[in-house]
Amino acid sequence: MDNLISKKEVLEKYEISYGALYRWKRMGLIPEEWFVKKSAVTGQETFFEREQICRRIEMILGLKDSFSLEEIAKQLEEEDSAKGERVLKAVWQGGSASVPLESIISLCIVDSNGEECIDDTEKLRSVINQIIKK
């Protein structure tokens, strides 16, 4: 059970309320199937796969000051619908975005003056080409 974490531990670890957790569930931020009920000494308890739920809650907490819960839910829905597709995911402080690789026409790194950083751009293109070929 090392890979599981109880609902109680999740609430304590992230200092979120029971109500917030279930609101996120209702909104689709946390999928229903992630809530695993198991028998325990005290009766039935809810558990989650530790890495999965911790990653999701940290993402929600990191974004909720910059985006509404509805916007976060829409982004997650788009990511879920893109499953099976390979995407480029860009993550920055306060947000993230996923773009299907097939729709990317060009990538480049630009400095603060708006000039393309040729060396960095070539490295970036090389990495993307390696990913696409896999």
Foldseek 3Di string as FASTA:
>chain_A
DVQKDFPVRVCVVVVHDPVVVVVCCVLQLDDPVQFDWDQDPVGITTMGRNVVVVVSVVVCVQQVVPDPSNVSNVQVVVVVVCPVFDWDWDDDRRDIHTDGLVPDDADFDADPVRHTPVVVRVVVVVVSVVVVVD
